[in-house]
């Protein structure tokens, strides 16, 4: 504005951390100014999901869901795991936990991976005054044998590679990854 002030609305990551904010400005007459300041990102209430990097089809795992209450009052929180066709849930999809002031607790959900692929897992948390949600992606790999083939060729003309998919291969497990490497 005419007094040299600016206001900017930002969408911040919901991780609790301190970012470094830097600013640079100039006047119409060419004077320069700059600053650096910490910008703290903080949430008083949130959930976090700790998933393995990958599962194998048929795996049964317990997924911990951490619930953080940094509010200045205790609260009762409903933690709910969103259903999806790629897993079977052992137990109720929603549980209620009580948290004190500044308390962190966890709720555990036991799931069994039913289908291969890259799948989202979503958890919702409904507190007395706030709510939060988190979605993470987990890869479910087939429970089978990996087959690889290597072809050495010069790509100065079309190159063919015949791959045979065995009839006993697992459903939805066929995937082709091609890597080209340079040479001298």
N, C-alpha and C. Protein backbone atom coordinates (compact mmCIF):
# COMPACT_ATOMS: atom_id res chain seq x y z
N UNK A 1 0.84 -1.19 0.00
CA UNK A 1 0.00 0.00 0.00
C UNK A 1 0.88 1.25 0.00
N UNK A 2 0.26 2.42 0.15
CA UNK A 2 1.03 3.67 0.11
C UNK A 2 2.02 3.83 1.26
N UNK A 3 1.86 3.00 2.31
CA UNK A 3 2.79 3.06 3.45
C UNK A 3 3.86 1.97 3.35
N UNK A 4 3.87 1.20 2.24
CA UNK A 4 4.90 0.19 2.04
C UNK A 4 4.60 -1.14 2.71
N UNK A 5 3.36 -1.37 3.08
CA UNK A 5 3.00 -2.63 3.74
C UNK A 5 2.28 -3.54 2.74
N UNK A 6 2.54 -4.83 2.88
CA UNK A 6 1.89 -5.82 2.03
C UNK A 6 1.33 -6.93 2.91
N UNK A 7 0.24 -7.49 2.47
CA UNK A 7 -0.36 -8.61 3.19
C UNK A 7 -0.58 -9.72 2.17
N UNK A 8 -0.19 -10.94 2.57
CA UNK A 8 -0.27 -12.08 1.66
C UNK A 8 -0.83 -13.27 2.41
N UNK A 9 -1.83 -13.93 1.84
CA UNK A 9 -2.37 -15.14 2.43
C UNK A 9 -1.69 -16.34 1.81
N UNK A 10 -1.23 -17.27 2.66
CA UNK A 10 -0.50 -18.44 2.20
C UNK A 10 -1.20 -19.70 2.66
N UNK A 11 -1.11 -20.74 1.87
CA UNK A 11 -1.51 -22.06 2.30
C UNK A 11 -0.26 -22.75 2.79
N UNK A 12 -0.28 -23.18 4.04
CA UNK A 12 0.90 -23.77 4.66
C UNK A 12 0.75 -25.29 4.75
N UNK A 13 1.88 -25.97 4.73
CA UNK A 13 1.89 -27.40 5.01
C UNK A 13 1.45 -27.58 6.46
N UNK A 14 0.79 -28.69 6.76
CA UNK A 14 0.29 -28.87 8.12
C UNK A 14 1.30 -29.53 9.05
N UNK A 15 2.54 -29.64 8.61
CA UNK A 15 3.56 -30.18 9.50
C UNK A 15 3.97 -29.10 10.50
N UNK A 16 4.28 -29.53 11.71
CA UNK A 16 4.72 -28.59 12.73
C UNK A 16 6.21 -28.35 12.52
N UNK A 17 6.52 -27.14 12.11
CA UNK A 17 7.91 -26.79 11.85
C UNK A 17 8.03 -25.28 11.80
N UNK A 18 9.24 -24.80 11.70
CA UNK A 18 9.47 -23.36 11.50
C UNK A 18 10.13 -23.16 10.15
N UNK A 19 9.51 -22.35 9.34
CA UNK A 19 10.01 -22.03 8.01
C UNK A 19 10.80 -20.73 8.09
N UNK A 20 11.67 -20.51 7.14
CA UNK A 20 12.37 -19.24 7.05
C UNK A 20 11.67 -18.40 6.00
N UNK A 21 11.22 -17.23 6.40
CA UNK A 21 10.53 -16.31 5.49
C UNK A 21 11.51 -15.20 5.13
N UNK A 22 11.62 -14.94 3.85
CA UNK A 22 12.51 -13.88 3.37
C UNK A 22 11.70 -12.91 2.53
N UNK A 23 12.03 -11.65 2.62
CA UNK A 23 11.34 -10.64 1.82
C UNK A 23 12.34 -9.66 1.23
N UNK A 24 12.01 -9.15 0.08
CA UNK A 24 12.85 -8.18 -0.61
C UNK A 24 11.92 -7.15 -1.24
N UNK A 25 12.23 -5.88 -1.06
CA UNK A 25 11.37 -4.82 -1.59
C UNK A 25 12.23 -3.68 -2.11
N UNK A 26 11.62 -2.89 -2.97
CA UNK A 26 12.29 -1.68 -3.46
C UNK A 26 11.28 -0.56 -3.55
N UNK A 27 11.77 0.66 -3.35
CA UNK A 27 10.91 1.82 -3.48
C UNK A 27 10.92 2.28 -4.93
N UNK A 28 10.07 3.22 -5.25
CA UNK A 28 10.05 3.77 -6.61
C UNK A 28 11.35 4.52 -6.92
N UNK A 29 11.99 5.01 -5.87
CA UNK A 29 13.25 5.74 -6.10
C UNK A 29 14.46 4.82 -6.11
N UNK A 30 14.25 3.49 -5.95
CA UNK A 30 15.34 2.53 -6.06
C UNK A 30 15.95 2.09 -4.75
N UNK A 31 15.42 2.54 -3.62
CA UNK A 31 15.96 2.07 -2.34
C UNK A 31 15.52 0.63 -2.13
N UNK A 32 16.45 -0.16 -1.56
CA UNK A 32 16.19 -1.58 -1.35
C UNK A 32 16.05 -1.89 0.13
N UNK A 33 15.28 -2.89 0.41
CA UNK A 33 15.13 -3.38 1.78
C UNK A 33 14.89 -4.88 1.75
N UNK A 34 15.32 -5.54 2.82
CA UNK A 34 15.09 -6.99 2.89
C UNK A 34 14.96 -7.39 4.34
N UNK A 35 14.45 -8.60 4.55
CA UNK A 35 14.33 -9.13 5.90
C UNK A 35 14.29 -10.65 5.84
N UNK A 36 14.57 -11.26 6.98
CA UNK A 36 14.36 -12.69 7.19
C UNK A 36 13.74 -12.85 8.56
N UNK A 37 12.76 -13.75 8.65
CA UNK A 37 12.09 -13.97 9.93
C UNK A 37 11.59 -15.40 9.98
N UNK A 38 11.47 -15.96 11.19
CA UNK A 38 10.90 -17.31 11.29
C UNK A 38 9.38 -17.25 11.10
N UNK A 39 8.85 -18.28 10.48
CA UNK A 39 7.41 -18.41 10.29
C UNK A 39 7.02 -19.78 10.84
N UNK A 40 6.34 -19.79 11.96
CA UNK A 40 6.02 -21.03 12.65
C UNK A 40 4.70 -21.59 12.14
N UNK A 41 4.73 -22.85 11.72
CA UNK A 41 3.51 -23.57 11.32
C UNK A 41 3.16 -24.51 12.47
N UNK A 42 1.96 -24.38 12.98
CA UNK A 42 1.57 -25.17 14.15
C UNK A 42 0.09 -25.46 14.09
N UNK A 43 -0.27 -26.66 14.52
CA UNK A 43 -1.67 -27.06 14.62
C UNK A 43 -1.90 -27.54 16.04
N UNK A 44 -2.97 -27.07 16.66
CA UNK A 44 -3.23 -27.44 18.05
C UNK A 44 -3.83 -28.84 18.18
N UNK A 45 -4.40 -29.33 17.10
CA UNK A 45 -5.04 -30.64 17.13
C UNK A 45 -4.85 -31.27 15.76
N UNK A 46 -4.31 -32.51 15.73
CA UNK A 46 -4.15 -33.17 14.45
C UNK A 46 -3.93 -34.66 14.66
N UNK A 47 -4.05 -35.40 13.54
CA UNK A 47 -3.77 -36.83 13.54
C UNK A 47 -2.62 -37.09 12.58
N UNK A 48 -1.91 -38.18 12.84
CA UNK A 48 -0.82 -38.58 11.95
C UNK A 48 -0.90 -40.09 11.76
N UNK A 49 -0.51 -40.54 10.61
CA UNK A 49 -0.65 -41.94 10.21
C UNK A 49 0.72 -42.49 9.90
N UNK A 50 1.06 -43.64 10.49
CA UNK A 50 2.36 -44.24 10.28
C UNK A 50 2.18 -45.54 9.50
N UNK A 51 2.38 -45.44 8.18
CA UNK A 51 2.21 -46.60 7.30
C UNK A 51 3.55 -47.15 6.86
N UNK A 52 3.62 -48.46 6.63
CA UNK A 52 4.85 -49.00 6.03
C UNK A 52 4.97 -48.51 4.59
N UNK A 53 6.18 -48.56 4.06
CA UNK A 53 6.42 -48.13 2.68
C UNK A 53 5.62 -49.00 1.71
N UNK A 54 5.58 -50.29 1.98
CA UNK A 54 4.86 -51.21 1.10
C UNK A 54 4.34 -52.39 1.91
N UNK A 55 3.29 -53.00 1.38
CA UNK A 55 2.72 -54.22 1.93
C UNK A 55 2.73 -55.27 0.84
N UNK A 56 2.57 -56.51 1.23
CA UNK A 56 2.38 -57.60 0.28
C UNK A 56 0.92 -58.03 0.39
N UNK A 57 0.33 -58.33 -0.75
CA UNK A 57 -1.06 -58.78 -0.75
C UNK A 57 -1.21 -59.93 0.25
N UNK A 58 -2.19 -59.80 1.13
CA UNK A 58 -2.42 -60.80 2.17
C UNK A 58 -1.82 -60.41 3.51
N UNK A 59 -0.94 -59.42 3.53
CA UNK A 59 -0.35 -58.97 4.79
C UNK A 59 -1.43 -58.46 5.74
N UNK A 60 -1.26 -58.77 7.02
CA UNK A 60 -2.09 -58.19 8.07
C UNK A 60 -1.18 -57.34 8.92
N UNK A 61 -1.52 -56.07 9.05
CA UNK A 61 -0.70 -55.14 9.82
C UNK A 61 -1.59 -54.30 10.73
N UNK A 62 -0.98 -53.84 11.81
CA UNK A 62 -1.64 -52.89 12.69
C UNK A 62 -1.12 -51.51 12.36
N UNK A 63 -2.02 -50.62 12.00
CA UNK A 63 -1.65 -49.26 11.59
C UNK A 63 -1.90 -48.32 12.77
N UNK A 64 -0.83 -47.72 13.31
CA UNK A 64 -1.03 -46.77 14.41
C UNK A 64 -1.41 -45.39 13.89
N UNK A 65 -2.40 -44.81 14.53
CA UNK A 65 -2.84 -43.45 14.22
C UNK A 65 -2.60 -42.61 15.48
N UNK A 66 -1.69 -41.66 15.38
CA UNK A 66 -1.39 -40.78 16.51
C UNK A 66 -2.36 -39.61 16.53
N UNK A 67 -2.84 -39.28 17.73
CA UNK A 67 -3.77 -38.15 17.91
C UNK A 67 -3.10 -37.17 18.87
N UNK A 68 -2.95 -35.93 18.42
CA UNK A 68 -2.25 -34.90 19.18
C UNK A 68 -3.24 -33.84 19.65
N UNK A 69 -3.24 -33.55 20.95
CA UNK A 69 -4.10 -32.52 21.51
C UNK A 69 -3.24 -31.47 22.20
N UNK A 70 -2.90 -30.41 21.49
CA UNK A 70 -2.16 -29.31 22.08
C UNK A 70 -3.08 -28.16 22.48
N UNK A 71 -4.38 -28.45 22.53
CA UNK A 71 -5.34 -27.45 22.99
C UNK A 71 -5.18 -27.23 24.49
N UNK A 72 -5.73 -26.14 25.00
CA UNK A 72 -5.62 -25.84 26.42
C UNK A 72 -6.72 -26.49 27.25
N UNK A 73 -7.39 -27.50 26.68
CA UNK A 73 -8.45 -28.21 27.39
C UNK A 73 -8.49 -29.66 26.90
N UNK A 74 -8.94 -30.56 27.76
CA UNK A 74 -9.07 -31.95 27.32
C UNK A 74 -10.20 -32.08 26.31
N UNK A 75 -10.17 -33.16 25.56
CA UNK A 75 -11.26 -33.38 24.61
C UNK A 75 -11.41 -34.86 24.30
N UNK A 76 -12.60 -35.18 23.84
CA UNK A 76 -12.92 -36.53 23.39
C UNK A 76 -12.88 -36.49 21.87
N UNK A 77 -12.17 -37.44 21.27
CA UNK A 77 -11.95 -37.42 19.82
C UNK A 77 -12.45 -38.73 19.21
N UNK A 78 -13.23 -38.61 18.15
CA UNK A 78 -13.65 -39.77 17.37
C UNK A 78 -12.65 -39.94 16.23
N UNK A 79 -11.98 -41.09 16.20
CA UNK A 79 -11.01 -41.41 15.16
C UNK A 79 -11.65 -42.43 14.24
N UNK A 80 -11.70 -42.12 12.95
CA UNK A 80 -12.40 -42.98 12.00
C UNK A 80 -11.54 -43.30 10.79
N UNK A 81 -11.41 -44.60 10.50
CA UNK A 81 -10.69 -45.07 9.33
C UNK A 81 -11.69 -45.22 8.18
N UNK A 82 -11.42 -44.54 7.06
CA UNK A 82 -12.31 -44.62 5.91
C UNK A 82 -12.16 -45.97 5.23
N UNK A 83 -13.27 -46.64 4.99
CA UNK A 83 -13.24 -47.93 4.32
C UNK A 83 -12.82 -47.80 2.86
N UNK A 84 -12.23 -48.86 2.35
CA UNK A 84 -11.81 -48.92 0.95
C UNK A 84 -11.78 -50.38 0.54
N UNK A 85 -11.98 -50.65 -0.74
CA UNK A 85 -12.06 -52.01 -1.22
C UNK A 85 -10.74 -52.76 -1.24
N UNK A 86 -9.63 -52.07 -1.08
CA UNK A 86 -8.33 -52.73 -1.16
C UNK A 86 -7.90 -53.39 0.14
N UNK A 87 -8.60 -53.12 1.24
CA UNK A 87 -8.25 -53.75 2.51
C UNK A 87 -9.49 -54.20 3.27
N UNK A 88 -9.28 -55.15 4.17
CA UNK A 88 -10.33 -55.59 5.09
C UNK A 88 -9.93 -55.11 6.48
N UNK A 89 -10.87 -54.55 7.19
CA UNK A 89 -10.63 -54.02 8.52
C UNK A 89 -11.08 -55.02 9.57
N UNK A 90 -10.23 -55.28 10.54
CA UNK A 90 -10.58 -56.16 11.66
C UNK A 90 -11.00 -55.26 12.81
N UNK A 91 -12.28 -55.17 13.08
CA UNK A 91 -12.78 -54.32 14.15
C UNK A 91 -13.58 -53.16 13.61
N UNK A 92 -13.97 -52.30 14.53
CA UNK A 92 -14.81 -51.14 14.19
C UNK A 92 -13.99 -50.07 13.47
N UNK A 93 -14.60 -49.39 12.49
CA UNK A 93 -13.88 -48.35 11.76
C UNK A 93 -13.74 -47.04 12.55
N UNK A 94 -14.53 -46.88 13.61
CA UNK A 94 -14.47 -45.65 14.41
C UNK A 94 -14.28 -45.99 15.88
N UNK A 95 -13.41 -45.22 16.52
CA UNK A 95 -13.15 -45.38 17.95
C UNK A 95 -13.10 -44.00 18.59
N UNK A 96 -13.37 -43.95 19.88
CA UNK A 96 -13.31 -42.70 20.61
C UNK A 96 -12.18 -42.75 21.63
N UNK A 97 -11.37 -41.70 21.65
CA UNK A 97 -10.27 -41.60 22.61
C UNK A 97 -10.43 -40.31 23.40
N UNK A 98 -10.00 -40.35 24.65
CA UNK A 98 -10.01 -39.16 25.50
C UNK A 98 -8.58 -38.67 25.66
N UNK A 99 -8.39 -37.38 25.43
CA UNK A 99 -7.06 -36.79 25.53
C UNK A 99 -7.08 -35.64 26.53
N UNK A 100 -6.05 -35.60 27.36
CA UNK A 100 -5.88 -34.48 28.28
C UNK A 100 -5.19 -33.32 27.59
N UNK A 101 -4.98 -32.26 28.32
CA UNK A 101 -4.30 -31.08 27.79
C UNK A 101 -2.86 -31.46 27.43
N UNK A 102 -2.46 -31.16 26.20
CA UNK A 102 -1.11 -31.45 25.76
C UNK A 102 -0.80 -32.93 25.59
N UNK A 103 -1.80 -33.76 25.53
CA UNK A 103 -1.58 -35.21 25.47
C UNK A 103 -1.54 -35.72 24.03
N UNK A 104 -0.74 -36.76 23.84
CA UNK A 104 -0.66 -37.46 22.56
C UNK A 104 -0.94 -38.92 22.85
N UNK A 105 -1.81 -39.52 22.06
CA UNK A 105 -2.11 -40.94 22.22
C UNK A 105 -2.23 -41.55 20.84
N UNK A 106 -2.40 -42.86 20.78
CA UNK A 106 -2.58 -43.50 19.48
C UNK A 106 -3.70 -44.51 19.54
N UNK A 107 -4.30 -44.71 18.41
CA UNK A 107 -5.34 -45.72 18.22
C UNK A 107 -4.83 -46.60 17.10
N UNK A 108 -5.08 -47.90 17.21
CA UNK A 108 -4.54 -48.85 16.23
C UNK A 108 -5.67 -49.53 15.47
N UNK A 109 -5.48 -49.61 14.15
CA UNK A 109 -6.43 -50.29 13.28
C UNK A 109 -5.71 -51.46 12.61
N UNK A 110 -6.31 -52.62 12.68
CA UNK A 110 -5.72 -53.81 12.05
C UNK A 110 -6.38 -54.01 10.69
N UNK A 111 -5.55 -54.07 9.64
CA UNK A 111 -6.07 -54.25 8.28
C UNK A 111 -5.35 -55.40 7.60
N UNK A 112 -6.01 -55.95 6.58
CA UNK A 112 -5.42 -56.99 5.74
C UNK A 112 -5.50 -56.52 4.30
N UNK A 113 -4.35 -56.51 3.61
CA UNK A 113 -4.28 -56.05 2.22
C UNK A 113 -4.92 -57.08 1.30
N UNK A 114 -5.90 -56.64 0.50
CA UNK A 114 -6.64 -57.55 -0.38
C UNK A 114 -6.25 -57.46 -1.85
N UNK A 115 -5.79 -56.29 -2.30
CA UNK A 115 -5.48 -56.16 -3.73
C UNK A 115 -4.22 -55.34 -3.93
N UNK A 116 -3.54 -55.64 -5.03
CA UNK A 116 -2.28 -54.98 -5.34
C UNK A 116 -2.53 -53.60 -5.93
N UNK A 117 -1.50 -52.80 -5.91
CA UNK A 117 -1.58 -51.46 -6.48
C UNK A 117 -1.18 -50.41 -5.46
N UNK A 118 -1.32 -49.16 -5.87
CA UNK A 118 -1.04 -48.03 -5.00
C UNK A 118 -2.38 -47.53 -4.47
N UNK A 119 -2.55 -47.54 -3.15
CA UNK A 119 -3.87 -47.26 -2.57
C UNK A 119 -3.78 -46.20 -1.47
N UNK A 120 -4.83 -45.37 -1.37
CA UNK A 120 -4.87 -44.38 -0.28
C UNK A 120 -5.48 -44.98 0.99
N UNK A 121 -5.00 -44.51 2.12
CA UNK A 121 -5.58 -44.86 3.42
C UNK A 121 -5.87 -43.53 4.10
N UNK A 122 -7.13 -43.32 4.48
CA UNK A 122 -7.57 -42.04 5.02
C UNK A 122 -8.12 -42.21 6.43
N UNK A 123 -7.71 -41.31 7.31
CA UNK A 123 -8.20 -41.31 8.69
C UNK A 123 -8.74 -39.91 9.00
N UNK A 124 -9.91 -39.88 9.66
CA UNK A 124 -10.53 -38.64 10.10
C UNK A 124 -10.51 -38.59 11.62
N UNK A 125 -10.39 -37.38 12.16
CA UNK A 125 -10.47 -37.19 13.61
C UNK A 125 -11.41 -36.02 13.88
N UNK A 126 -12.41 -36.28 14.71
CA UNK A 126 -13.41 -35.26 15.04
C UNK A 126 -13.31 -34.97 16.54
N UNK A 127 -12.76 -33.80 16.88
CA UNK A 127 -12.63 -33.40 18.27
C UNK A 127 -13.83 -32.57 18.69
N UNK A 128 -13.80 -32.09 19.92
CA UNK A 128 -14.92 -31.30 20.42
C UNK A 128 -14.99 -29.93 19.77
N UNK A 129 -13.84 -29.38 19.35
CA UNK A 129 -13.84 -28.06 18.70
C UNK A 129 -13.12 -28.04 17.36
N UNK A 130 -12.33 -29.04 17.09
CA UNK A 130 -11.55 -29.07 15.84
C UNK A 130 -11.70 -30.43 15.18
N UNK A 131 -11.34 -30.48 13.90
CA UNK A 131 -11.29 -31.75 13.19
C UNK A 131 -10.08 -31.75 12.27
N UNK A 132 -9.65 -32.96 11.90
CA UNK A 132 -8.48 -33.09 11.04
C UNK A 132 -8.63 -34.38 10.25
N UNK A 133 -7.86 -34.51 9.20
CA UNK A 133 -7.84 -35.73 8.39
C UNK A 133 -6.45 -35.88 7.80
N UNK A 134 -6.11 -37.12 7.51
CA UNK A 134 -4.82 -37.40 6.86
C UNK A 134 -5.02 -38.54 5.88
N UNK A 135 -4.34 -38.42 4.74
CA UNK A 135 -4.38 -39.47 3.72
C UNK A 135 -2.95 -39.77 3.31
N UNK A 136 -2.61 -41.03 3.36
CA UNK A 136 -1.29 -41.49 2.92
C UNK A 136 -1.52 -42.58 1.88
N UNK A 137 -0.53 -42.79 1.04
CA UNK A 137 -0.61 -43.81 0.01
C UNK A 137 0.35 -44.95 0.36
N UNK A 138 -0.13 -46.17 0.17
CA UNK A 138 0.70 -47.34 0.42
C UNK A 138 0.65 -48.23 -0.83
N UNK A 139 1.80 -48.81 -1.16
CA UNK A 139 1.85 -49.73 -2.29
C UNK A 139 1.66 -51.14 -1.76
N UNK A 140 0.74 -51.86 -2.38
CA UNK A 140 0.53 -53.28 -2.05
C UNK A 140 1.09 -54.09 -3.21
N UNK A 141 2.12 -54.85 -2.90
CA UNK A 141 2.80 -55.64 -3.93
C UNK A 141 2.20 -57.04 -3.98
N UNK A 142 2.29 -57.67 -5.14
CA UNK A 142 1.78 -59.04 -5.25
C UNK A 142 2.64 -60.01 -4.46
N UNK A 143 2.02 -61.07 -3.99
CA UNK A 143 2.75 -62.11 -3.27
C UNK A 143 3.17 -63.15 -4.30
N UNK A 144 4.25 -62.86 -4.98
CA UNK A 144 4.70 -63.75 -6.05
C UNK A 144 6.17 -63.57 -6.32
N UNK A 145 6.59 -64.05 -7.45
CA UNK A 145 7.99 -64.01 -7.84
C UNK A 145 8.19 -62.93 -8.89
N UNK A 146 9.23 -62.14 -8.70
CA UNK A 146 9.56 -61.09 -9.65
C UNK A 146 10.36 -61.70 -10.80
N UNK A 147 9.95 -61.43 -12.02
CA UNK A 147 10.67 -61.88 -13.21
C UNK A 147 11.24 -60.67 -13.91
N UNK A 148 12.53 -60.73 -14.23
CA UNK A 148 13.16 -59.61 -14.92
C UNK A 148 13.84 -60.12 -16.18
N UNK A 149 14.00 -59.23 -17.14
CA UNK A 149 14.71 -59.55 -18.38
C UNK A 149 15.58 -58.36 -18.74
N UNK A 150 16.77 -58.63 -19.26
CA UNK A 150 17.69 -57.58 -19.66
C UNK A 150 18.03 -57.80 -21.13
N UNK A 151 17.99 -56.72 -21.89
CA UNK A 151 18.36 -56.78 -23.30
C UNK A 151 19.41 -55.71 -23.54
N UNK A 152 20.53 -56.11 -24.16
CA UNK A 152 21.56 -55.15 -24.54
C UNK A 152 21.41 -54.90 -26.03
N UNK A 153 21.23 -53.64 -26.37
CA UNK A 153 21.04 -53.31 -27.78
C UNK A 153 21.43 -51.87 -28.01
N UNK A 154 21.67 -51.55 -29.27
CA UNK A 154 21.90 -50.17 -29.68
C UNK A 154 20.60 -49.69 -30.29
N UNK A 155 20.10 -48.57 -29.81
CA UNK A 155 18.80 -48.10 -30.26
C UNK A 155 18.92 -47.17 -31.46
N UNK A 156 19.58 -47.67 -32.50
CA UNK A 156 19.64 -46.90 -33.74
C UNK A 156 18.55 -47.34 -34.70
N UNK A 157 17.77 -48.30 -34.28
CA UNK A 157 16.61 -48.79 -35.04
C UNK A 157 15.65 -49.42 -34.03
N UNK A 158 14.43 -49.73 -34.44
CA UNK A 158 13.48 -50.33 -33.49
C UNK A 158 14.02 -51.62 -32.88
N UNK A 159 13.72 -51.81 -31.62
CA UNK A 159 14.18 -52.98 -30.88
C UNK A 159 12.96 -53.65 -30.29
N UNK A 160 12.90 -54.97 -30.35
CA UNK A 160 11.77 -55.72 -29.81
C UNK A 160 12.23 -56.61 -28.67
N UNK A 161 11.36 -56.72 -27.69
CA UNK A 161 11.59 -57.61 -26.56
C UNK A 161 10.29 -58.38 -26.34
N UNK A 162 10.35 -59.68 -26.48
CA UNK A 162 9.15 -60.50 -26.27
C UNK A 162 9.12 -60.94 -24.81
N UNK A 163 8.02 -60.66 -24.15
CA UNK A 163 7.82 -61.06 -22.76
C UNK A 163 6.65 -62.03 -22.70
N UNK A 164 6.86 -63.11 -22.03
CA UNK A 164 5.77 -64.07 -21.86
C UNK A 164 5.24 -63.94 -20.44
N UNK A 165 3.95 -63.69 -20.30
CA UNK A 165 3.30 -63.63 -18.99
C UNK A 165 2.76 -65.02 -18.71
N UNK A 166 3.29 -65.69 -17.70
CA UNK A 166 2.84 -67.05 -17.42
C UNK A 166 1.35 -67.08 -17.07
N UNK A 167 0.67 -68.15 -17.45
CA UNK A 167 -0.77 -68.23 -17.17
C UNK A 167 -1.06 -68.26 -15.66
N UNK A 168 -0.09 -68.67 -14.85
CA UNK A 168 -0.31 -68.72 -13.41
C UNK A 168 0.06 -67.39 -12.73
N UNK A 169 0.28 -66.33 -13.53
CA UNK A 169 0.64 -65.04 -12.93
C UNK A 169 -0.52 -64.51 -12.09
N UNK A 170 -0.17 -63.66 -11.16
CA UNK A 170 -1.15 -63.13 -10.23
C UNK A 170 -2.00 -62.05 -10.90
N UNK A 171 -3.25 -61.99 -10.51
CA UNK A 171 -4.15 -60.97 -11.04
C UNK A 171 -3.63 -59.58 -10.74
N UNK A 172 -3.70 -58.72 -11.70
CA UNK A 172 -3.33 -57.31 -11.58
C UNK A 172 -1.87 -57.11 -11.17
N UNK A 173 -1.03 -58.10 -11.40
CA UNK A 173 0.36 -58.00 -10.99
C UNK A 173 1.29 -57.71 -12.16
N UNK A 174 0.77 -57.66 -13.37
CA UNK A 174 1.63 -57.42 -14.52
C UNK A 174 1.99 -55.94 -14.56
N UNK A 175 3.29 -55.72 -14.62
CA UNK A 175 3.78 -54.36 -14.73
C UNK A 175 5.06 -54.39 -15.52
N UNK A 176 5.24 -53.43 -16.38
CA UNK A 176 6.43 -53.36 -17.21
C UNK A 176 7.18 -52.09 -16.88
N UNK A 177 8.43 -52.21 -16.52
CA UNK A 177 9.28 -51.07 -16.24
C UNK A 177 10.46 -51.14 -17.21
N UNK A 178 10.63 -50.09 -17.98
CA UNK A 178 11.72 -50.05 -18.96
C UNK A 178 12.71 -48.98 -18.53
N UNK A 179 13.97 -49.37 -18.45
CA UNK A 179 15.04 -48.42 -18.12
C UNK A 179 16.03 -48.41 -19.28
N UNK A 180 16.34 -47.22 -19.75
CA UNK A 180 17.34 -47.05 -20.80
C UNK A 180 18.56 -46.39 -20.20
N UNK A 181 19.72 -46.98 -20.43
CA UNK A 181 20.97 -46.43 -19.91
C UNK A 181 21.87 -46.03 -21.06
N UNK A 182 22.52 -44.89 -20.96
CA UNK A 182 23.43 -44.48 -22.02
C UNK A 182 24.72 -45.28 -21.96
N UNK A 183 25.40 -45.32 -23.08
CA UNK A 183 26.70 -46.00 -23.14
C UNK A 183 27.67 -45.13 -23.91
N UNK A 184 28.91 -45.60 -23.97
CA UNK A 184 29.93 -44.84 -24.70
C UNK A 184 29.57 -44.82 -26.17
